[in-house]
Amino acid sequence: LLSLAACQKPEESSIPFQLSELSLTFDYNGGEKVLGVTSNTAWSIKSTDESWLTVSPASGNGNAEVKVYAAANPSKEQKRS
């Protein structure tokens, strides 16, 4: 599970960020996908403690591209986070 949080002043836009994708799916081989963040404020990504899923960068200010990495799943069993 990944969540994105943004900090803003109350008088600013009611939507502080937009994401290029609402969900990302990886097959058992894992891989890398890019998530676009459009924002007018500082933001950070909170993730689980699962070692098989990482993001970079995990925070920023304004627009950015975030790389989401999923490690291969050798058991081929479905994992969710």
Foldseek 3Di string as FASTA:
>chain_A
DKDKDFDDDPVDDPDFKDKPDPDDDDFLQWAKDKIKIAGQGKMFMDDDPDPQWDKPPRIDTGIDIIIITGHHHVVRDDDDD
